[in-house]
């Protein structure tokens, strides 16, 4: 049975074996994902990280982080993940302020209509 080369092996023009540690994370139909991670981390560093981790869940989490970080670096070349985190933090502050405003209004109406059934 022939095995389809993963995006990492295709990029490196080598045969993908069953021992390929990058194959589970870089399917053949997603070469951009690998190219982003390769550009930011390099194959050697990704393999080294995977080799240092024994637990499959830790390996999966590490690769998800690498892929996310490299995709964000492509999307936001200057700040990468920091820009995404900053945006999410800003959205959180806006939503917390809105929640506080709604709670204040609710408390105001409760004081105006104390006998109203909840």
PDB file of N, CA and C in Angstrom:
ATOM      1  N   UNK A   1       0.846  -1.177   0.000  1.00  0.00           N
ATOM      2  CA  UNK A   1       0.000   0.000   0.000  1.00  0.00           C
ATOM      3  C   UNK A   1       0.890   1.239   0.000  1.00  0.00           C
ATOM      4  N   UNK A   2       0.672   2.135  -0.938  1.00  0.00           N
ATOM      5  CA  UNK A   2       1.507   3.337  -0.980  1.00  0.00           C
ATOM      6  C   UNK A   2       0.898   4.419  -0.108  1.00  0.00           C
ATOM      7  N   UNK A   3       1.731   5.140   0.513  1.00  0.00           N
ATOM      8  CA  UNK A   3       1.312   6.184   1.440  1.00  0.00           C
ATOM      9  C   UNK A   3       1.465   7.533   0.751  1.00  0.00           C
ATOM     10  N   UNK A   4       0.443   8.395   0.891  1.00  0.00           N
ATOM     11  CA  UNK A   4       0.507   9.740   0.336  1.00  0.00           C
ATOM     12  C   UNK A   4       1.449  10.556   1.210  1.00  0.00           C
ATOM     13  N   UNK A   5       2.370  11.243   0.577  1.00  0.00           N
ATOM     14  CA  UNK A   5       3.322  12.051   1.339  1.00  0.00           C
ATOM     15  C   UNK A   5       2.611  13.206   2.038  1.00  0.00           C
ATOM     16  N   UNK A   6       3.012  13.448   3.262  1.00  0.00           N
ATOM     17  CA  UNK A   6       2.477  14.596   3.987  1.00  0.00           C
ATOM     18  C   UNK A   6       3.048  15.879   3.377  1.00  0.00           C
ATOM     19  N   UNK A   7       2.499  17.007   3.756  1.00  0.00           N
ATOM     20  CA  UNK A   7       2.955  18.288   3.197  1.00  0.00           C
ATOM     21  C   UNK A   7       4.431  18.534   3.519  1.00  0.00           C
ATOM     22  N   UNK A   8       4.879  18.094   4.687  1.00  0.00           N
ATOM     23  CA  UNK A   8       6.281  18.288   5.080  1.00  0.00           C
ATOM     24  C   UNK A   8       7.212  17.488   4.180  1.00  0.00           C
ATOM     25  N   UNK A   9       6.870  16.238   3.939  1.00  0.00           N
ATOM     26  CA  UNK A   9       7.723  15.390   3.087  1.00  0.00           C
ATOM     27  C   UNK A   9       7.661  15.837   1.628  1.00  0.00           C
ATOM     28  N   UNK A  10       6.489  16.252   1.179  1.00  0.00           N
ATOM     29  CA  UNK A  10       6.379  16.770  -0.190  1.00  0.00           C
ATOM     30  C   UNK A  10       7.289  17.982  -0.363  1.00  0.00           C
ATOM     31  N   UNK A  11       7.248  18.878   0.609  1.00  0.00           N
ATOM     32  CA  UNK A  11       8.057  20.092   0.541  1.00  0.00           C
ATOM     33  C   UNK A  11       9.545  19.748   0.504  1.00  0.00           C
ATOM     34  N   UNK A  12       9.950  18.755   1.294  1.00  0.00           N
ATOM     35  CA  UNK A  12      11.360  18.353   1.365  1.00  0.00           C
ATOM     36  C   UNK A  12      11.732  17.360   0.265  1.00  0.00           C
ATOM     37  N   UNK A  13      10.756  16.978  -0.547  1.00  0.00           N
ATOM     38  CA  UNK A  13      10.944  16.024  -1.649  1.00  0.00           C
ATOM     39  C   UNK A  13      11.571  14.712  -1.175  1.00  0.00           C
ATOM     40  N   UNK A  14      10.957  14.176  -0.131  1.00  0.00           N
ATOM     41  CA  UNK A  14      11.423  12.879   0.361  1.00  0.00           C
ATOM     42  C   UNK A  14      10.228  11.971   0.559  1.00  0.00           C
ATOM     43  N   UNK A  15      10.495  10.700   0.667  1.00  0.00           N
ATOM     44  CA  UNK A  15       9.436   9.715   0.836  1.00  0.00           C
ATOM     45  C   UNK A  15       8.892   9.789   2.260  1.00  0.00           C
ATOM     46  N   UNK A  16       7.583   9.838   2.367  1.00  0.00           N
ATOM     47  CA  UNK A  16       6.935   9.897   3.676  1.00  0.00           C
ATOM     48  C   UNK A  16       6.744   8.473   4.189  1.00  0.00           C
ATOM     49  N   UNK A  17       7.325   8.188   5.324  1.00  0.00           N
ATOM     50  CA  UNK A  17       7.232   6.846   5.912  1.00  0.00           C
ATOM     51  C   UNK A  17       6.240   6.848   7.069  1.00  0.00           C
ATOM     52  N   UNK A  18       5.959   5.690   7.575  1.00  0.00           N
ATOM     53  CA  UNK A  18       5.040   5.575   8.720  1.00  0.00           C
ATOM     54  C   UNK A  18       5.652   6.173   9.985  1.00  0.00           C
ATOM     55  N   UNK A  19       6.968   6.384   9.988  1.00  0.00           N
ATOM     56  CA  UNK A  19       7.645   6.981  11.145  1.00  0.00           C
ATOM     57  C   UNK A  19       7.699   8.505  11.084  1.00  0.00           C
ATOM     58  N   UNK A  20       7.151   9.111  10.048  1.00  0.00           N
ATOM     59  CA  UNK A  20       7.187  10.570   9.898  1.00  0.00           C
ATOM     60  C   UNK A  20       6.404  11.220  11.037  1.00  0.00           C
ATOM     61  N   UNK A  21       7.104  11.979  11.881  1.00  0.00           N
ATOM     62  CA  UNK A  21       6.464  12.585  13.050  1.00  0.00           C
ATOM     63  C   UNK A  21       5.616  13.802  12.676  1.00  0.00           C
ATOM     64  N   UNK A  22       5.842  14.374  11.506  1.00  0.00           N
ATOM     65  CA  UNK A  22       5.093  15.561  11.099  1.00  0.00           C
ATOM     66  C   UNK A  22       3.820  15.232  10.313  1.00  0.00           C
ATOM     67  N   UNK A  23       3.712  14.014   9.808  1.00  0.00           N
ATOM     68  CA  UNK A  23       2.568  13.624   8.977  1.00  0.00           C
ATOM     69  C   UNK A  23       1.205  13.850   9.639  1.00  0.00           C
ATOM     70  N   UNK A  24       1.037  13.548  10.925  1.00  0.00           N
ATOM     71  CA  UNK A  24      -0.290  13.753  11.525  1.00  0.00           C
ATOM     72  C   UNK A  24      -0.725  15.223  11.566  1.00  0.00           C
ATOM     73  N   UNK A  25       0.213  16.130  11.489  1.00  0.00           N
ATOM     74  CA  UNK A  25      -0.088  17.544  11.666  1.00  0.00           C
ATOM     75  C   UNK A  25      -0.128  18.325  10.346  1.00  0.00           C
ATOM     76  N   UNK A  26       0.460  17.765   9.302  1.00  0.00           N
ATOM     77  CA  UNK A  26       0.537  18.450   8.016  1.00  0.00           C
ATOM     78  C   UNK A  26       0.070  17.537   6.885  1.00  0.00           C
ATOM     79  N   UNK A  27      -1.253  17.408   6.729  1.00  0.00           N
ATOM     80  CA  UNK A  27      -1.768  16.563   5.646  1.00  0.00           C
ATOM     81  C   UNK A  27      -1.332  17.085   4.280  1.00  0.00           C
ATOM     82  N   UNK A  28      -1.300  16.194   3.319  1.00  0.00           N
ATOM     83  CA  UNK A  28      -0.826  16.531   1.971  1.00  0.00           C
ATOM     84  C   UNK A  28      -1.641  17.650   1.326  1.00  0.00           C
ATOM     85  N   UNK A  29      -2.915  17.751   1.671  1.00  0.00           N
ATOM     86  CA  UNK A  29      -3.776  18.755   1.046  1.00  0.00           C
ATOM     87  C   UNK A  29      -3.715  20.128   1.727  1.00  0.00           C
ATOM     88  N   UNK A  30      -2.798  20.303   2.682  1.00  0.00           N
ATOM     89  CA  UNK A  30      -2.656  21.590   3.378  1.00  0.00           C
ATOM     90  C   UNK A  30      -1.197  22.052   3.383  1.00  0.00           C
ATOM     91  N   UNK A  31      -0.619  22.262   2.213  1.00  0.00           N
ATOM     92  CA  UNK A  31       0.798  22.632   2.164  1.00  0.00           C
ATOM     93  C   UNK A  31       1.097  24.008   2.767  1.00  0.00           C
ATOM     94  N   UNK A  32       0.144  24.925   2.704  1.00  0.00           N
ATOM     95  CA  UNK A  32       0.371  26.283   3.233  1.00  0.00           C
ATOM     96  C   UNK A  32       0.599  26.241   4.737  1.00  0.00           C
ATOM     97  N   UNK A  33      -0.128  25.370   5.410  1.00  0.00           N
ATOM     98  CA  UNK A  33       0.030  25.223   6.860  1.00  0.00           C
ATOM     99  C   UNK A  33       1.476  24.837   7.186  1.00  0.00           C
ATOM    100  N   UNK A  34       2.004  23.882   6.425  1.00  0.00           N
ATOM    101  CA  UNK A  34       3.384  23.463   6.661  1.00  0.00           C
ATOM    102  C   UNK A  34       4.364  24.579   6.298  1.00  0.00           C
ATOM    103  N   UNK A  35       4.149  25.230   5.166  1.00  0.00           N
ATOM    104  CA  UNK A  35       5.070  26.289   4.733  1.00  0.00           C
ATOM    105  C   UNK A  35       5.157  27.402   5.762  1.00  0.00           C
ATOM    106  N   UNK A  36       4.030  27.785   6.357  1.00  0.00           N
ATOM    107  CA  UNK A  36       4.047  28.822   7.397  1.00  0.00           C
ATOM    108  C   UNK A  36       4.856  28.367   8.609  1.00  0.00           C
ATOM    109  N   UNK A  37       4.602  27.124   9.057  1.00  0.00           N
ATOM    110  CA  UNK A  37       5.315  26.601  10.229  1.00  0.00           C
ATOM    111  C   UNK A  37       6.802  26.432   9.923  1.00  0.00           C
ATOM    112  N   UNK A  38       7.120  25.966   8.736  1.00  0.00           N
ATOM    113  CA  UNK A  38       8.517  25.782   8.332  1.00  0.00           C
ATOM    114  C   UNK A  38       9.254  27.114   8.307  1.00  0.00           C
ATOM    115  N   UNK A  39       8.593  28.134   7.767  1.00  0.00           N
ATOM    116  CA  UNK A  39       9.212  29.454   7.660  1.00  0.00           C
ATOM    117  C   UNK A  39       9.532  30.039   9.043  1.00  0.00           C
ATOM    118  N   UNK A  40       8.640  29.824   9.988  1.00  0.00           N
ATOM    119  CA  UNK A  40       8.831  30.419  11.323  1.00  0.00           C
ATOM    120  C   UNK A  40       9.685  29.551  12.243  1.00  0.00           C
ATOM    121  N   UNK A  41       9.521  28.222  12.186  1.00  0.00           N
ATOM    122  CA  UNK A  41      10.193  27.342  13.137  1.00  0.00           C
ATOM    123  C   UNK A  41      11.268  26.449  12.534  1.00  0.00           C
ATOM    124  N   UNK A  42      11.072  26.041  11.288  1.00  0.00           N
ATOM    125  CA  UNK A  42      12.004  25.101  10.673  1.00  0.00           C
ATOM    126  C   UNK A  42      11.662  23.668  11.037  1.00  0.00           C
ATOM    127  N   UNK A  43      11.954  22.766  10.133  1.00  0.00           N
ATOM    128  CA  UNK A  43      11.639  21.355  10.343  1.00  0.00           C
ATOM    129  C   UNK A  43      12.393  20.796  11.539  1.00  0.00           C
ATOM    130  N   UNK A  44      13.671  21.085  11.631  1.00  0.00           N
ATOM    131  CA  UNK A  44      14.501  20.542  12.709  1.00  0.00           C
ATOM    132  C   UNK A  44      13.953  20.926  14.085  1.00  0.00           C
ATOM    133  N   UNK A  45      13.537  22.182  14.250  1.00  0.00           N
ATOM    134  CA  UNK A  45      13.005  22.617  15.542  1.00  0.00           C
ATOM    135  C   UNK A  45      11.667  21.964  15.862  1.00  0.00           C
ATOM    136  N   UNK A  46      10.815  21.804  14.851  1.00  0.00           N
ATOM    137  CA  UNK A  46       9.531  21.143  15.106  1.00  0.00           C
ATOM    138  C   UNK A  46       9.742  19.691  15.511  1.00  0.00           C
ATOM    139  N   UNK A  47      10.621  18.993  14.813  1.00  0.00           N
ATOM    140  CA  UNK A  47      10.910  17.592  15.141  1.00  0.00           C
ATOM    141  C   UNK A  47      11.530  17.501  16.531  1.00  0.00           C
ATOM    142  N   UNK A  48      12.408  18.420  16.860  1.00  0.00           N
ATOM    143  CA  UNK A  48      13.046  18.428  18.181  1.00  0.00           C
ATOM    144  C   UNK A  48      12.006  18.604  19.289  1.00  0.00           C
ATOM    145  N   UNK A  49      11.074  19.517  19.077  1.00  0.00           N
ATOM    146  CA  UNK A  49      10.009  19.734  20.063  1.00  0.00           C
ATOM    147  C   UNK A  49       9.197  18.460  20.241  1.00  0.00           C
ATOM    148  N   UNK A  50       8.821  17.827  19.140  1.00  0.00           N
ATOM    149  CA  UNK A  50       8.031  16.592  19.217  1.00  0.00           C
ATOM    150  C   UNK A  50       8.807  15.469  19.897  1.00  0.00           C
ATOM    151  N   UNK A  51      10.101  15.385  19.632  1.00  0.00           N
ATOM    152  CA  UNK A  51      10.927  14.340  20.245  1.00  0.00           C
ATOM    153  C   UNK A  51      11.061  14.519  21.755  1.00  0.00           C
ATOM    154  N   UNK A  52      11.030  15.759  22.205  1.00  0.00           N
ATOM    155  CA  UNK A  52      11.183  16.028  23.638  1.00  0.00           C
ATOM    156  C   UNK A  52       9.913  15.726  24.423  1.00  0.00           C
ATOM    157  N   UNK A  53       8.776  15.665  23.743  1.00  0.00           N
ATOM    158  CA  UNK A  53       7.505  15.399  24.413  1.00  0.00           C
ATOM    159  C   UNK A  53       7.144  13.923  24.273  1.00  0.00           C
ATOM    160  N   UNK A  54       6.705  13.323  25.345  1.00  0.00           N
ATOM    161  CA  UNK A  54       6.363  11.900  25.327  1.00  0.00           C
ATOM    162  C   UNK A  54       4.862  11.684  25.171  1.00  0.00           C
ATOM    163  N   UNK A  55       4.061  12.524  25.765  1.00  0.00           N
ATOM    164  CA  UNK A  55       2.611  12.399  25.757  1.00  0.00           C
ATOM    165  C   UNK A  55       2.036  12.894  24.426  1.00  0.00           C
ATOM    166  N   UNK A  56       1.160  12.100  23.818  1.00  0.00           N
ATOM    167  CA  UNK A  56       0.566  12.456  22.527  1.00  0.00           C
ATOM    168  C   UNK A  56      -0.271  13.731  22.622  1.00  0.00           C
ATOM    169  N   UNK A  57      -0.928  13.941  23.758  1.00  0.00           N
ATOM    170  CA  UNK A  57      -1.718  15.163  23.941  1.00  0.00           C
ATOM    171  C   UNK A  57      -0.821  16.393  23.958  1.00  0.00           C
ATOM    172  N   UNK A  58       0.335  16.274  24.613  1.00  0.00           N
ATOM    173  CA  UNK A  58       1.287  17.383  24.643  1.00  0.00           C
ATOM    174  C   UNK A  58       1.825  17.670  23.248  1.00  0.00           C
ATOM    175  N   UNK A  59       2.107  16.629  22.494  1.00  0.00           N
ATOM    176  CA  UNK A  59       2.595  16.805  21.126  1.00  0.00           C
ATOM    177  C   UNK A  59       1.540  17.503  20.276  1.00  0.00           C
ATOM    178  N   UNK A  60       0.312  17.067  20.414  1.00  0.00           N
ATOM    179  CA  UNK A  60      -0.785  17.670  19.659  1.00  0.00           C
ATOM    180  C   UNK A  60      -0.949  19.142  20.020  1.00  0.00           C
ATOM    181  N   UNK A  61      -0.913  19.440  21.318  1.00  0.00           N
ATOM    182  CA  UNK A  61      -1.037  20.830  21.766  1.00  0.00           C
ATOM    183  C   UNK A  61       0.119  21.686  21.260  1.00  0.00           C
ATOM    184  N   UNK A  62       1.320  21.128  21.314  1.00  0.00           N
ATOM    185  CA  UNK A  62       2.498  21.866  20.848  1.00  0.00           C
ATOM    186  C   UNK A  62       2.381  22.179  19.360  1.00  0.00           C
ATOM    187  N   UNK A  63       1.955  21.212  18.578  1.00  0.00           N
ATOM    188  CA  UNK A  63       1.833  21.438  17.141  1.00  0.00           C
ATOM    189  C   UNK A  63       0.695  22.388  16.813  1.00  0.00           C
ATOM    190  N   UNK A  64      -0.390  22.321  17.572  1.00  0.00           N
ATOM    191  CA  UNK A  64      -1.484  23.293  17.375  1.00  0.00           C
ATOM    192  C   UNK A  64      -0.972  24.699  17.640  1.00  0.00           C
ATOM    193  N   UNK A  65      -0.159  24.855  18.673  1.00  0.00           N
ATOM    194  CA  UNK A  65       0.412  26.170  18.996  1.00  0.00           C
ATOM    195  C   UNK A  65       1.353  26.648  17.899  1.00  0.00           C
ATOM    196  N   UNK A  66       2.195  25.751  17.425  1.00  0.00           N
ATOM    197  CA  UNK A  66       3.139  26.100  16.355  1.00  0.00           C
ATOM    198  C   UNK A  66       2.381  26.519  15.100  1.00  0.00           C
ATOM    199  N   UNK A  67       1.374  25.755  14.747  1.00  0.00           N
ATOM    200  CA  UNK A  67       0.598  26.054  13.538  1.00  0.00           C
ATOM    201  C   UNK A  67      -0.156  27.363  13.699  1.00  0.00           C
ATOM    202  N   UNK A  68      -0.782  27.572  14.866  1.00  0.00           N
ATOM    203  CA  UNK A  68      -1.508  28.820  15.090  1.00  0.00           C
ATOM    204  C   UNK A  68      -0.564  30.012  15.046  1.00  0.00           C
ATOM    205  N   UNK A  69       0.538  29.894  15.747  1.00  0.00           N
ATOM    206  CA  UNK A  69       1.495  30.994  15.796  1.00  0.00           C
ATOM    207  C   UNK A  69       2.039  31.321  14.405  1.00  0.00           C
ATOM    208  N   UNK A  70       2.343  30.308  13.627  1.00  0.00           N
ATOM    209  CA  UNK A  70       2.883  30.561  12.287  1.00  0.00           C
ATOM    210  C   UNK A  70       1.810  31.113  11.345  1.00  0.00           C
ATOM    211  N   UNK A  71       0.562  30.674  11.500  1.00  0.00           N
ATOM    212  CA  UNK A  71      -0.521  31.245  10.685  1.00  0.00           C
ATOM    213  C   UNK A  71      -0.772  32.704  11.044  1.00  0.00           C
ATOM    214  N   UNK A  72      -0.685  33.024  12.324  1.00  0.00           N
ATOM    215  CA  UNK A  72      -0.876  34.419  12.743  1.00  0.00           C
ATOM    216  C   UNK A  72       0.281  35.296  12.258  1.00  0.00           C
ATOM    217  N   UNK A  73       1.476  34.732  12.222  1.00  0.00           N
ATOM    218  CA  UNK A  73       2.635  35.484  11.732  1.00  0.00           C
ATOM    219  C   UNK A  73       2.470  35.804  10.246  1.00  0.00           C
ATOM    220  N   UNK A  74       1.868  34.865   9.506  1.00  0.00           N
ATOM    221  CA  UNK A  74       1.615  35.147   8.090  1.00  0.00           C
ATOM    222  C   UNK A  74       0.547  36.223   7.937  1.00  0.00           C
ATOM    223  N   UNK A  75      -0.485  36.138   8.757  1.00  0.00           N
ATOM    224  CA  UNK A  75      -1.598  37.094   8.669  1.00  0.00           C
ATOM    225  C   UNK A  75      -1.196  38.479   9.160  1.00  0.00           C
ATOM    226  N   UNK A  76      -0.421  38.513  10.240  1.00  0.00           N
ATOM    227  CA  UNK A  76       0.032  39.770  10.831  1.00  0.00           C
ATOM    228  C   UNK A  76       1.558  39.724  10.928  1.00  0.00           C
ATOM    229  N   UNK A  77       2.261  40.059   9.845  1.00  0.00           N
ATOM    230  CA  UNK A  77       3.720  39.873   9.789  1.00  0.00           C
ATOM    231  C   UNK A  77       4.518  40.615  10.869  1.00  0.00           C
ATOM    232  N   UNK A  78       4.043  41.759  11.310  1.00  0.00           N
ATOM    233  CA  UNK A  78       4.821  42.546  12.259  1.00  0.00           C
ATOM    234  C   UNK A  78       4.653  42.032  13.683  1.00  0.00           C
ATOM    235  N   UNK A  79       3.410  41.838  14.117  1.00  0.00           N
ATOM    236  CA  UNK A  79       3.158  41.482  15.516  1.00  0.00           C
ATOM    237  C   UNK A  79       2.726  40.043  15.741  1.00  0.00           C
ATOM    238  N   UNK A  80       2.303  39.340  14.709  1.00  0.00           N
ATOM    239  CA  UNK A  80       1.912  37.945  14.852  1.00  0.00           C
ATOM    240  C   UNK A  80       0.803  37.744  15.858  1.00  0.00           C
ATOM    241  N   UNK A  81       1.004  36.811  16.779  1.00  0.00           N
ATOM    242  CA  UNK A  81      -0.011  36.472  17.786  1.00  0.00           C
ATOM    243  C   UNK A  81      -0.349  37.654  18.691  1.00  0.00           C
ATOM    244  N   UNK A  82       0.602  38.512  18.914  1.00  0.00           N
ATOM    245  CA  UNK A  82       0.379  39.651  19.807  1.00  0.00           C
ATOM    246  C   UNK A  82      -0.761  40.515  19.289  1.00  0.00           C
ATOM    247  N   UNK A  83      -0.821  40.698  17.978  1.00  0.00           N
ATOM    248  CA  UNK A  83      -1.905  41.494  17.403  1.00  0.00           C
ATOM    249  C   UNK A  83      -3.252  40.814  17.630  1.00  0.00           C
ATOM    250  N   UNK A  84      -3.293  39.528  17.452  1.00  0.00           N
ATOM    251  CA  UNK A  84      -4.521  38.762  17.677  1.00  0.00           C
ATOM    252  C   UNK A  84      -4.927  38.823  19.151  1.00  0.00           C
ATOM    253  N   UNK A  85      -3.981  38.638  20.038  1.00  0.00           N
ATOM    254  CA  UNK A  85      -4.257  38.686  21.478  1.00  0.00           C
ATOM    255  C   UNK A  85      -4.734  40.081  21.877  1.00  0.00           C
ATOM    256  N   UNK A  86      -4.105  41.101  21.337  1.00  0.00           N
ATOM    257  CA  UNK A  86      -4.505  42.474  21.625  1.00  0.00           C
ATOM    258  C   UNK A  86      -5.941  42.736  21.181  1.00  0.00           C
ATOM    259  N   UNK A  87      -6.283  42.263  19.987  1.00  0.00           N
ATOM    260  CA  UNK A  87      -7.643  42.437  19.482  1.00  0.00           C
ATOM    261  C   UNK A  87      -8.646  41.727  20.387  1.00  0.00           C
ATOM    262  N   UNK A  88      -8.339  40.484  20.773  1.00  0.00           N
ATOM    263  CA  UNK A  88      -9.244  39.731  21.637  1.00  0.00           C
ATOM    264  C   UNK A  88      -9.377  40.375  23.019  1.00  0.00           C
ATOM    265  N   UNK A  89      -8.286  40.907  23.527  1.00  0.00           N
ATOM    266  CA  UNK A  89      -8.328  41.592  24.825  1.00  0.00           C
ATOM    267  C   UNK A  89      -9.224  42.832  24.745  1.00  0.00           C
ATOM    268  N   UNK A  90      -9.109  43.561  23.635  1.00  0.00           N
ATOM    269  CA  UNK A  90      -9.936  44.743  23.427  1.00  0.00           C
ATOM    270  C   UNK A  90     -11.417  44.357  23.347  1.00  0.00           C
ATOM    271  N   UNK A  91     -11.725  43.286  22.614  1.00  0.00           N
ATOM    272  CA  UNK A  91     -13.104  42.815  22.514  1.00  0.00           C
ATOM    273  C   UNK A  91     -13.635  42.378  23.875  1.00  0.00           C
ATOM    274  N   UNK A  92     -12.795  41.741  24.669  1.00  0.00           N
ATOM    275  CA  UNK A  92     -13.196  41.324  26.006  1.00  0.00           C
ATOM    276  C   UNK A  92     -13.552  42.532  26.867  1.00  0.00           C
ATOM    277  N   UNK A  93     -12.733  43.581  26.813  1.00  0.00           N
ATOM    278  CA  UNK A  93     -13.002  44.785  27.598  1.00  0.00           C
ATOM    279  C   UNK A  93     -14.317  45.440  27.171  1.00  0.00           C
ATOM    280  N   UNK A  94     -14.565  45.489  25.874  1.00  0.00           N
ATOM    281  CA  UNK A  94     -15.821  46.053  25.364  1.00  0.00           C
ATOM    282  C   UNK A  94     -17.007  45.240  25.864  1.00  0.00           C
ATOM    283  N   UNK A  95     -16.895  43.927  25.801  1.00  0.00           N
ATOM    284  CA  UNK A  95     -17.990  43.058  26.240  1.00  0.00           C
ATOM    285  C   UNK A  95     -18.205  43.115  27.746  1.00  0.00           C
ATOM    286  N   UNK A  96     -17.121  43.228  28.509  1.00  0.00           N
ATOM    287  CA  UNK A  96     -17.264  43.355  29.964  1.00  0.00           C
ATOM    288  C   UNK A  96     -17.941  44.666  30.329  1.00  0.00           C
ATOM    289  N   UNK A  97     -17.610  45.741  29.623  1.00  0.00           N
ATOM    290  CA  UNK A  97     -18.253  47.032  29.870  1.00  0.00           C
ATOM    291  C   UNK A  97     -19.728  46.960  29.526  1.00  0.00           C
ATOM    292  N   UNK A  98     -20.056  46.316  28.425  1.00  0.00           N
ATOM    293  CA  UNK A  98     -21.457  46.157  28.028  1.00  0.00           C
ATOM    294  C   UNK A  98     -22.218  45.333  29.065  1.00  0.00           C
ATOM    295  N   UNK A  99     -21.612  44.270  29.579  1.00  0.00           N
ATOM    296  CA  UNK A  99     -22.239  43.457  30.616  1.00  0.00           C
ATOM    297  C   UNK A  99     -22.493  44.292  31.866  1.00  0.00           C
ATOM    298  N   UNK A 100     -21.508  45.082  32.242  1.00  0.00           N
ATOM    299  CA  UNK A 100     -21.662  45.941  33.429  1.00  0.00           C
ATOM    300  C   UNK A 100     -22.793  46.950  33.221  1.00  0.00           C
ATOM    301  N   UNK A 101     -22.918  47.515  32.029  1.00  0.00           N
ATOM    302  CA  UNK A 101     -23.992  48.468  31.731  1.00  0.00           C
ATOM    303  C   UNK A 101     -25.361  47.793  31.821  1.00  0.00           C
ATOM    304  N   UNK A 102     -25.461  46.590  31.285  1.00  0.00           N
ATOM    305  CA  UNK A 102     -26.728  45.852  31.331  1.00  0.00           C
ATOM    306  C   UNK A 102     -27.082  45.502  32.773  1.00  0.00           C
ATOM    307  N   UNK A 103     -26.099  45.079  33.562  1.00  0.00           N
ATOM    308  CA  UNK A 103     -26.364  44.764  34.964  1.00  0.00           C
ATOM    309  C   UNK A 103     -26.800  46.003  35.738  1.00  0.00           C
ATOM    310  N   UNK A 104     -26.206  47.148  35.418  1.00  0.00           N
ATOM    311  CA  UNK A 104     -26.610  48.400  36.071  1.00  0.00           C
ATOM    312  C   UNK A 104     -28.047  48.752  35.712  1.00  0.00           C
ATOM    313  N   UNK A 105     -28.416  48.623  34.460  1.00  0.00           N
ATOM    314  CA  UNK A 105     -29.784  48.902  34.035  1.00  0.00           C
ATOM    315  C   UNK A 105     -30.759  47.945  34.703  1.00  0.00           C
ATOM    316  N   UNK A 106     -30.389  46.692  34.769  1.00  0.00           N
ATOM    317  CA  UNK A 106     -31.237  45.692  35.400  1.00  0.00           C
ATOM    318  C   UNK A 106     -31.455  46.027  36.871  1.00  0.00           C
ATOM    319  N   UNK A 107     -30.398  46.406  37.549  1.00  0.00           N
ATOM    320  CA  UNK A 107     -30.512  46.788  38.963  1.00  0.00           C
ATOM    321  C   UNK A 107     -31.393  48.023  39.128  1.00  0.00           C
ATOM    322  N   UNK A 108     -31.268  48.980  38.228  1.00  0.00           N
ATOM    323  CA  UNK A 108     -32.101  50.186  38.261  1.00  0.00           C
ATOM    324  C   UNK A 108     -33.573  49.801  38.148  1.00  0.00           C
ATOM    325  N   UNK A 109     -33.917  48.940  37.187  1.00  0.00           N
ATOM    326  CA  UNK A 109     -35.306  48.530  36.996  1.00  0.00           C
ATOM    327  C   UNK A 109     -35.808  47.694  38.165  1.00  0.00           C
ATOM    328  N   UNK A 110     -34.960  46.915  38.764  1.00  0.00           N
ATOM    329  CA  UNK A 110     -35.368  46.148  39.944  1.00  0.00           C
ATOM    330  C   UNK A 110     -35.716  47.070  41.108  1.00  0.00           C
ATOM    331  N   UNK A 111     -34.975  48.166  41.223  1.00  0.00           N
ATOM    332  CA  UNK A 111     -35.278  49.133  42.282  1.00  0.00           C
ATOM    333  C   UNK A 111     -36.560  49.889  41.985  1.00  0.00           C
ATOM    334  N   UNK A 112     -36.819  50.181  40.720  1.00  0.00           N
ATOM    335  CA  UNK A 112     -38.035  50.900  40.340  1.00  0.00           C
ATOM    336  C   UNK A 112     -39.285  50.032  40.493  1.00  0.00           C
ATOM    337  N   UNK A 113     -39.149  48.743  40.245  1.00  0.00           N
ATOM    338  CA  UNK A 113     -40.281  47.817  40.276  1.00  0.00           C
ATOM    339  C   UNK A 113     -39.954  46.621  41.170  1.00  0.00           C
ATOM    340  N   UNK A 114     -39.918  46.833  42.499  1.00  0.00           N
ATOM    341  CA  UNK A 114     -39.472  45.774  43.417  1.00  0.00           C
ATOM    342  C   UNK A 114     -40.419  44.574  43.455  1.00  0.00           C
ATOM    343  N   UNK A 115     -41.685  44.748  43.137  1.00  0.00           N
ATOM    344  CA  UNK A 115     -42.653  43.648  43.229  1.00  0.00           C
ATOM    345  C   UNK A 115     -42.808  42.898  41.916  1.00  0.00           C
ATOM    346  N   UNK A 116     -42.058  43.266  40.904  1.00  0.00           N
ATOM    347  CA  UNK A 116     -42.172  42.605  39.615  1.00  0.00           C
ATOM    348  C   UNK A 116     -41.559  41.204  39.701  1.00  0.00           C
ATOM    349  N   UNK A 117     -42.315  40.214  39.251  1.00  0.00           N
ATOM    350  CA  UNK A 117     -41.827  38.825  39.317  1.00  0.00           C
ATOM    351  C   UNK A 117     -40.677  38.620  38.371  1.00  0.00           C
ATOM    352  N   UNK A 118     -39.737  37.901  38.830  1.00  0.00           N
ATOM    353  CA  UNK A 118     -38.567  37.638  38.000  1.00  0.00           C
ATOM    354  C   UNK A 118     -38.776  36.465  37.142  1.00  0.00           C
TER     355      UNK A 118
END
